[in-house]
């Protein structure tokens, strides 16, 4: 699994509420939803390196496997 850095993000309260609702609708954490949104935007803009995209897919597979094991 890739190493992750933490940082502070300031958001308008209404935007945060919308993201929290969206995350809940898709059974993700707010953090997971934000990471998904950012990854999707990076892929669509062609700014995500292939190795990063592959690591993201591996992480997703590991998460799905651990969820089905439980």
Protein backbone atom coordinates (compact mmCIF):
# COMPACT_ATOMS: atom_id res chain seq x y z
CA UNK A 1 0.00 0.00 0.00
CA UNK A 2 1.32 3.46 -0.85
CA UNK A 3 2.34 5.92 1.83
CA UNK A 4 -0.05 8.82 2.35
CA UNK A 5 0.62 12.35 3.55
CA UNK A 6 -1.80 14.28 5.67
CA UNK A 7 -2.58 17.97 5.28
CA UNK A 8 -5.15 20.53 6.35
CA UNK A 9 -7.94 21.37 3.92
CA UNK A 10 -10.25 24.32 4.41
CA UNK A 11 -13.67 24.03 2.80
CA UNK A 12 -16.81 26.06 2.76
CA UNK A 13 -19.28 24.37 5.18
CA UNK A 14 -21.87 23.83 2.42
CA UNK A 15 -19.32 22.11 0.18
CA UNK A 16 -18.26 19.89 3.05
CA UNK A 17 -21.88 18.94 3.76
CA UNK A 18 -22.35 18.04 0.09
CA UNK A 19 -19.20 15.90 0.08
CA UNK A 20 -20.22 14.16 3.31
CA UNK A 21 -23.65 13.35 1.84
CA UNK A 22 -22.10 12.10 -1.40
CA UNK A 23 -19.67 9.94 0.57
CA UNK A 24 -22.47 8.47 2.67
CA UNK A 25 -24.50 7.73 -0.48
CA UNK A 26 -21.55 5.72 -1.85
CA UNK A 27 -20.65 4.08 1.49
CA UNK A 28 -17.29 5.86 1.69
CA UNK A 29 -15.67 7.98 4.36
CA UNK A 30 -15.44 11.69 3.68
CA UNK A 31 -11.68 11.32 3.33
CA UNK A 32 -12.12 8.40 0.92
CA UNK A 33 -14.59 10.41 -1.14
CA UNK A 34 -12.22 13.37 -1.40
CA UNK A 35 -9.39 11.05 -2.44
CA UNK A 36 -11.65 9.44 -5.06
CA UNK A 37 -12.68 12.86 -6.44
CA UNK A 38 -9.06 14.02 -6.65
CA UNK A 39 -7.87 10.77 -8.25
CA UNK A 40 -10.68 10.90 -10.82
CA UNK A 41 -9.86 14.51 -11.71
CA UNK A 42 -6.15 13.71 -12.04
CA UNK A 43 -6.85 10.72 -14.30
CA UNK A 44 -9.26 12.68 -16.50
CA UNK A 45 -6.77 15.53 -16.92
CA UNK A 46 -3.93 13.12 -17.73
CA UNK A 47 -1.90 14.37 -14.76
CA UNK A 48 -1.68 11.06 -12.89
CA UNK A 49 1.41 9.00 -13.66
CA UNK A 50 0.76 5.42 -14.77
CA UNK A 51 2.50 4.02 -11.69
CA UNK A 52 0.25 6.14 -9.46
CA UNK A 53 -2.82 4.89 -11.29
CA UNK A 54 -1.65 1.29 -10.89
CA UNK A 55 -0.98 1.80 -7.16
CA UNK A 56 -4.49 3.25 -6.81
CA UNK A 57 -5.98 0.17 -8.50
CA UNK A 58 -3.94 -2.14 -6.23
CA UNK A 59 -5.13 -0.24 -3.15
CA UNK A 60 -8.73 -0.57 -4.33
CA UNK A 61 -8.30 -4.32 -4.88
CA UNK A 62 -6.81 -4.74 -1.40
CA UNK A 63 -9.67 -2.80 0.17
CA UNK A 64 -12.29 -4.83 -1.71
CA UNK A 65 -10.56 -8.08 -0.73
CA UNK A 66 -10.45 -7.13 2.96
CA UNK A 67 -14.12 -6.13 2.89
CA UNK A 68 -15.18 -9.48 1.40
CA UNK A 69 -12.99 -11.39 3.89
CA UNK A 70 -14.88 -9.86 6.83
